[in-house]
Amino acid sequence: MSKNDGGTAFPMQDPQAIHAYAIAKAGAPTEENVHTQEKDYLAARAEAVSGMALLDYFAAKALVGLLSWPGDDGCGSYHSNSDPAHTASMAYEYGKAMLAARVKP
């Protein structure tokens, strides 16, 4: 991976589930699409095995906390939930901080 996203969270591990996911995503092969279908199957398998990025998981957890507090209370709070793009960006800031905290001694 080109960026530090913490690796994977929740990868599929059951070979039958991985195969079923890849088959469902790639579709049934036909004479016309057999080569494309094979590439789609392999890409879907890789997606299933990799799971979601740990950074995305941490950001999603942080987002729950950010959205549970309106933040616009007039007390100089750090965020406002009225701007979804800013709130999402802040969630990733917290996610990156959680990743950094994992590697500190």
N, C-alpha and C. Protein backbone atom coordinates (compact mmCIF):
# COMPACT_ATOMS: atom_id res chain seq x y z
N MET A 1 0.84 -1.18 0.00
CA MET A 1 0.00 0.00 0.00
C MET A 1 0.88 1.24 0.00
N SER A 2 0.42 2.26 -0.70
CA SER A 2 1.23 3.44 -0.83
C SER A 2 1.09 4.40 0.34
N LYS A 3 0.03 4.26 1.12
CA LYS A 3 -0.15 5.15 2.26
C LYS A 3 -0.30 4.32 3.53
N ASN A 4 -0.08 4.96 4.65
CA ASN A 4 -0.21 4.24 5.92
C ASN A 4 -1.66 4.26 6.34
N ASP A 5 -2.37 3.18 6.08
CA ASP A 5 -3.77 3.09 6.49
C ASP A 5 -3.97 2.07 7.60
N GLY A 6 -2.87 1.57 8.16
CA GLY A 6 -2.97 0.66 9.29
C GLY A 6 -3.17 -0.79 8.92
N GLY A 7 -3.23 -1.10 7.65
CA GLY A 7 -3.48 -2.47 7.25
C GLY A 7 -4.96 -2.76 7.20
N THR A 8 -5.32 -4.02 7.30
CA THR A 8 -6.72 -4.39 7.11
C THR A 8 -7.44 -4.67 8.42
N ALA A 9 -8.73 -4.45 8.38
CA ALA A 9 -9.63 -4.80 9.48
C ALA A 9 -10.75 -5.64 8.89
N PHE A 10 -11.08 -6.70 9.53
CA PHE A 10 -12.19 -7.57 9.15
C PHE A 10 -12.04 -8.23 7.79
N PRO A 11 -10.88 -8.79 7.46
CA PRO A 11 -10.80 -9.53 6.21
C PRO A 11 -11.60 -10.82 6.30
N MET A 12 -12.15 -11.26 5.18
CA MET A 12 -12.82 -12.57 5.15
C MET A 12 -11.75 -13.64 5.31
N GLN A 13 -12.07 -14.69 6.05
CA GLN A 13 -11.10 -15.75 6.26
C GLN A 13 -11.60 -17.10 5.80
N ASP A 14 -12.89 -17.27 5.72
CA ASP A 14 -13.45 -18.55 5.31
C ASP A 14 -13.32 -18.69 3.79
N PRO A 15 -12.56 -19.69 3.32
CA PRO A 15 -12.36 -19.84 1.87
C PRO A 15 -13.66 -19.94 1.08
N GLN A 16 -14.66 -20.62 1.63
CA GLN A 16 -15.94 -20.74 0.91
C GLN A 16 -16.65 -19.40 0.81
N ALA A 17 -16.57 -18.60 1.87
CA ALA A 17 -17.19 -17.27 1.84
C ALA A 17 -16.48 -16.37 0.84
N ILE A 18 -15.16 -16.45 0.80
CA ILE A 18 -14.39 -15.65 -0.16
C ILE A 18 -14.77 -16.03 -1.58
N HIS A 19 -14.84 -17.34 -1.85
CA HIS A 19 -15.20 -17.81 -3.18
C HIS A 19 -16.62 -17.37 -3.55
N ALA A 20 -17.56 -17.52 -2.63
CA ALA A 20 -18.95 -17.13 -2.90
C ALA A 20 -19.05 -15.63 -3.17
N TYR A 21 -18.32 -14.83 -2.40
CA TYR A 21 -18.33 -13.37 -2.61
C TYR A 21 -17.79 -13.04 -3.99
N ALA A 22 -16.67 -13.66 -4.35
CA ALA A 22 -16.03 -13.37 -5.64
C ALA A 22 -16.91 -13.80 -6.81
N ILE A 23 -17.54 -14.96 -6.70
CA ILE A 23 -18.44 -15.44 -7.75
C ILE A 23 -19.61 -14.47 -7.91
N ALA A 24 -20.20 -14.07 -6.79
CA ALA A 24 -21.35 -13.16 -6.85
C ALA A 24 -20.96 -11.82 -7.47
N LYS A 25 -19.80 -11.33 -7.13
CA LYS A 25 -19.37 -10.02 -7.64
C LYS A 25 -18.96 -10.09 -9.11
N ALA A 26 -18.32 -11.17 -9.52
CA ALA A 26 -17.82 -11.28 -10.89
C ALA A 26 -18.91 -11.69 -11.88
N GLY A 27 -19.92 -12.37 -11.42
CA GLY A 27 -20.98 -12.83 -12.33
C GLY A 27 -20.63 -14.14 -12.99
N ALA A 28 -21.58 -14.67 -13.68
CA ALA A 28 -21.40 -15.96 -14.35
C ALA A 28 -20.59 -15.79 -15.63
N PRO A 29 -19.66 -16.70 -15.87
CA PRO A 29 -18.87 -16.59 -17.10
C PRO A 29 -19.67 -17.00 -18.34
N THR A 30 -19.39 -16.32 -19.42
CA THR A 30 -19.94 -16.70 -20.73
C THR A 30 -18.77 -16.74 -21.70
N GLU A 31 -19.01 -17.21 -22.90
CA GLU A 31 -17.93 -17.24 -23.89
C GLU A 31 -17.39 -15.85 -24.16
N GLU A 32 -18.26 -14.86 -24.15
CA GLU A 32 -17.86 -13.50 -24.48
C GLU A 32 -17.06 -12.82 -23.36
N ASN A 33 -17.35 -13.14 -22.12
CA ASN A 33 -16.71 -12.41 -21.03
C ASN A 33 -15.77 -13.25 -20.17
N VAL A 34 -15.37 -14.42 -20.64
CA VAL A 34 -14.60 -15.33 -19.79
C VAL A 34 -13.30 -14.70 -19.29
N HIS A 35 -12.61 -13.92 -20.11
CA HIS A 35 -11.35 -13.31 -19.66
C HIS A 35 -11.61 -12.17 -18.69
N THR A 36 -12.60 -11.36 -18.99
CA THR A 36 -12.96 -10.26 -18.09
C THR A 36 -13.48 -10.81 -16.77
N GLN A 37 -14.28 -11.86 -16.85
CA GLN A 37 -14.86 -12.45 -15.65
C GLN A 37 -13.77 -13.00 -14.74
N GLU A 38 -12.73 -13.59 -15.32
CA GLU A 38 -11.63 -14.11 -14.51
C GLU A 38 -10.92 -12.99 -13.77
N LYS A 39 -10.67 -11.87 -14.45
CA LYS A 39 -10.03 -10.72 -13.79
C LYS A 39 -10.94 -10.16 -12.70
N ASP A 40 -12.24 -10.08 -12.99
CA ASP A 40 -13.19 -9.58 -12.00
C ASP A 40 -13.24 -10.50 -10.77
N TYR A 41 -13.18 -11.81 -11.01
CA TYR A 41 -13.20 -12.78 -9.92
C TYR A 41 -11.96 -12.59 -9.02
N LEU A 42 -10.79 -12.47 -9.65
CA LEU A 42 -9.55 -12.30 -8.88
C LEU A 42 -9.56 -10.99 -8.10
N ALA A 43 -10.06 -9.93 -8.72
CA ALA A 43 -10.15 -8.64 -8.03
C ALA A 43 -11.11 -8.72 -6.84
N ALA A 44 -12.23 -9.40 -7.02
CA ALA A 44 -13.19 -9.55 -5.93
C ALA A 44 -12.62 -10.39 -4.80
N ARG A 45 -11.85 -11.43 -5.13
CA ARG A 45 -11.19 -12.24 -4.08
C ARG A 45 -10.22 -11.38 -3.29
N ALA A 46 -9.44 -10.58 -3.99
CA ALA A 46 -8.47 -9.71 -3.30
C ALA A 46 -9.19 -8.73 -2.39
N GLU A 47 -10.31 -8.19 -2.86
CA GLU A 47 -11.10 -7.26 -2.04
C GLU A 47 -11.63 -7.94 -0.79
N ALA A 48 -12.13 -9.16 -0.94
CA ALA A 48 -12.68 -9.89 0.20
C ALA A 48 -11.62 -10.22 1.23
N VAL A 49 -10.46 -10.60 0.77
CA VAL A 49 -9.38 -10.99 1.68
C VAL A 49 -8.79 -9.77 2.38
N SER A 50 -8.78 -8.64 1.71
CA SER A 50 -8.14 -7.46 2.30
C SER A 50 -9.02 -6.78 3.34
N GLY A 51 -10.33 -6.91 3.26
CA GLY A 51 -11.19 -6.25 4.23
C GLY A 51 -11.12 -4.74 4.09
N MET A 52 -11.56 -4.04 5.10
CA MET A 52 -11.50 -2.58 5.08
C MET A 52 -10.20 -2.12 5.74
N ALA A 53 -9.78 -0.92 5.42
CA ALA A 53 -8.56 -0.38 6.03
C ALA A 53 -8.83 -0.04 7.50
N LEU A 54 -7.86 -0.29 8.33
CA LEU A 54 -7.98 0.01 9.75
C LEU A 54 -8.22 1.51 9.95
N LEU A 55 -7.61 2.34 9.13
CA LEU A 55 -7.85 3.79 9.21
C LEU A 55 -9.33 4.10 8.99
N ASP A 56 -9.96 3.46 8.01
CA ASP A 56 -11.38 3.69 7.77
C ASP A 56 -12.22 3.25 8.97
N TYR A 57 -11.84 2.15 9.59
CA TYR A 57 -12.56 1.66 10.77
C TYR A 57 -12.43 2.66 11.92
N PHE A 58 -11.21 3.11 12.17
CA PHE A 58 -11.01 4.09 13.24
C PHE A 58 -11.77 5.38 12.96
N ALA A 59 -11.73 5.84 11.72
CA ALA A 59 -12.42 7.08 11.35
C ALA A 59 -13.93 6.92 11.54
N ALA A 60 -14.46 5.76 11.19
CA ALA A 60 -15.89 5.53 11.36
C ALA A 60 -16.27 5.57 12.84
N LYS A 61 -15.43 4.99 13.68
CA LYS A 61 -15.70 5.03 15.12
C LYS A 61 -15.64 6.46 15.65
N ALA A 62 -14.66 7.23 15.19
CA ALA A 62 -14.54 8.62 15.61
C ALA A 62 -15.73 9.44 15.13
N LEU A 63 -16.21 9.15 13.92
CA LEU A 63 -17.34 9.88 13.36
C LEU A 63 -18.58 9.72 14.23
N VAL A 64 -18.78 8.53 14.78
CA VAL A 64 -19.93 8.31 15.67
C VAL A 64 -19.86 9.27 16.85
N GLY A 65 -18.68 9.40 17.44
CA GLY A 65 -18.52 10.32 18.56
C GLY A 65 -18.71 11.77 18.15
N LEU A 66 -18.15 12.13 17.01
CA LEU A 66 -18.29 13.51 16.54
C LEU A 66 -19.74 13.86 16.27
N LEU A 67 -20.48 12.94 15.69
CA LEU A 67 -21.88 13.22 15.37
C LEU A 67 -22.79 13.16 16.59
N SER A 68 -22.33 12.52 17.66
CA SER A 68 -23.17 12.45 18.86
C SER A 68 -23.14 13.75 19.65
N TRP A 69 -22.20 14.61 19.36
CA TRP A 69 -22.09 15.91 20.02
C TRP A 69 -22.24 16.98 18.96
N PRO A 70 -23.23 17.86 19.08
CA PRO A 70 -23.45 18.84 18.02
C PRO A 70 -22.26 19.77 17.80
N GLY A 71 -21.49 20.02 18.84
CA GLY A 71 -20.27 20.79 18.67
C GLY A 71 -20.45 22.28 18.54
N ASP A 72 -21.64 22.73 18.21
CA ASP A 72 -21.87 24.15 18.03
C ASP A 72 -22.60 24.70 19.25
N ASP A 73 -21.91 24.68 20.38
CA ASP A 73 -22.55 25.06 21.64
C ASP A 73 -22.14 26.45 22.12
N GLY A 74 -21.37 27.17 21.31
CA GLY A 74 -20.94 28.51 21.69
C GLY A 74 -19.83 28.53 22.72
N CYS A 75 -19.29 27.39 23.06
CA CYS A 75 -18.24 27.31 24.07
C CYS A 75 -16.87 27.09 23.44
N GLY A 76 -16.74 27.41 22.18
CA GLY A 76 -15.45 27.25 21.52
C GLY A 76 -15.11 25.80 21.24
N SER A 77 -16.15 24.97 21.04
CA SER A 77 -15.87 23.57 20.76
C SER A 77 -15.15 23.43 19.42
N TYR A 78 -14.53 22.29 19.24
CA TYR A 78 -13.59 22.08 18.15
C TYR A 78 -14.24 21.90 16.79
N HIS A 79 -15.49 21.49 16.73
CA HIS A 79 -16.09 21.21 15.43
C HIS A 79 -17.54 21.63 15.38
N SER A 80 -18.07 21.66 14.18
CA SER A 80 -19.49 21.91 13.96
C SER A 80 -20.00 20.84 13.01
N ASN A 81 -21.06 20.17 13.39
CA ASN A 81 -21.61 19.12 12.55
C ASN A 81 -22.40 19.67 11.39
N SER A 82 -22.46 20.99 11.25
CA SER A 82 -23.21 21.57 10.13
C SER A 82 -22.45 21.45 8.82
N ASP A 83 -21.19 21.06 8.86
CA ASP A 83 -20.38 20.90 7.65
C ASP A 83 -19.91 19.45 7.56
N PRO A 84 -20.63 18.61 6.80
CA PRO A 84 -20.29 17.19 6.74
C PRO A 84 -18.87 16.92 6.25
N ALA A 85 -18.39 17.69 5.27
CA ALA A 85 -17.04 17.46 4.76
C ALA A 85 -16.00 17.72 5.84
N HIS A 86 -16.21 18.76 6.62
CA HIS A 86 -15.26 19.07 7.70
C HIS A 86 -15.33 18.00 8.80
N THR A 87 -16.53 17.58 9.13
CA THR A 87 -16.68 16.56 10.17
C THR A 87 -16.03 15.24 9.73
N ALA A 88 -16.22 14.86 8.47
CA ALA A 88 -15.58 13.64 7.96
C ALA A 88 -14.06 13.78 7.99
N SER A 89 -13.57 14.95 7.62
CA SER A 89 -12.12 15.19 7.66
C SER A 89 -11.59 15.06 9.08
N MET A 90 -12.33 15.58 10.03
CA MET A 90 -11.92 15.47 11.43
C MET A 90 -11.92 14.02 11.89
N ALA A 91 -12.88 13.24 11.43
CA ALA A 91 -12.93 11.82 11.80
C ALA A 91 -11.65 11.13 11.35
N TYR A 92 -11.17 11.47 10.16
CA TYR A 92 -9.91 10.87 9.68
C TYR A 92 -8.71 11.41 10.45
N GLU A 93 -8.77 12.64 10.91
CA GLU A 93 -7.68 13.14 11.78
C GLU A 93 -7.59 12.29 13.04
N TYR A 94 -8.75 12.01 13.64
CA TYR A 94 -8.76 11.16 14.83
C TYR A 94 -8.30 9.75 14.50
N GLY A 95 -8.72 9.23 13.36
CA GLY A 95 -8.30 7.90 12.94
C GLY A 95 -6.78 7.82 12.77
N LYS A 96 -6.20 8.84 12.16
CA LYS A 96 -4.74 8.87 11.99
C LYS A 96 -4.04 8.96 13.33
N ALA A 97 -4.62 9.71 14.25
CA ALA A 97 -4.04 9.81 15.60
C ALA A 97 -4.09 8.46 16.30
N MET A 98 -5.17 7.72 16.10
CA MET A 98 -5.27 6.38 16.70
C MET A 98 -4.23 5.44 16.11
N LEU A 99 -4.01 5.53 14.81
CA LEU A 99 -2.95 4.71 14.19
C LEU A 99 -1.58 5.06 14.75
N ALA A 100 -1.33 6.36 14.91
CA ALA A 100 -0.03 6.80 15.43
C ALA A 100 0.15 6.33 16.88
N ALA A 101 -0.93 6.34 17.65
CA ALA A 101 -0.84 5.91 19.05
C ALA A 101 -0.52 4.43 19.17
N ARG A 102 -0.86 3.65 18.16
CA ARG A 102 -0.58 2.21 18.20
C ARG A 102 0.90 1.89 18.10
N VAL A 103 1.68 2.76 17.47
CA VAL A 103 3.09 2.46 17.25
C VAL A 103 4.02 3.11 18.28
N LYS A 104 3.47 3.94 19.15
CA LYS A 104 4.29 4.56 20.19
C LYS A 104 4.64 3.53 21.25
N PRO A 105 5.87 3.59 21.77
CA PRO A 105 6.25 2.63 22.81
C PRO A 105 5.54 2.84 24.11
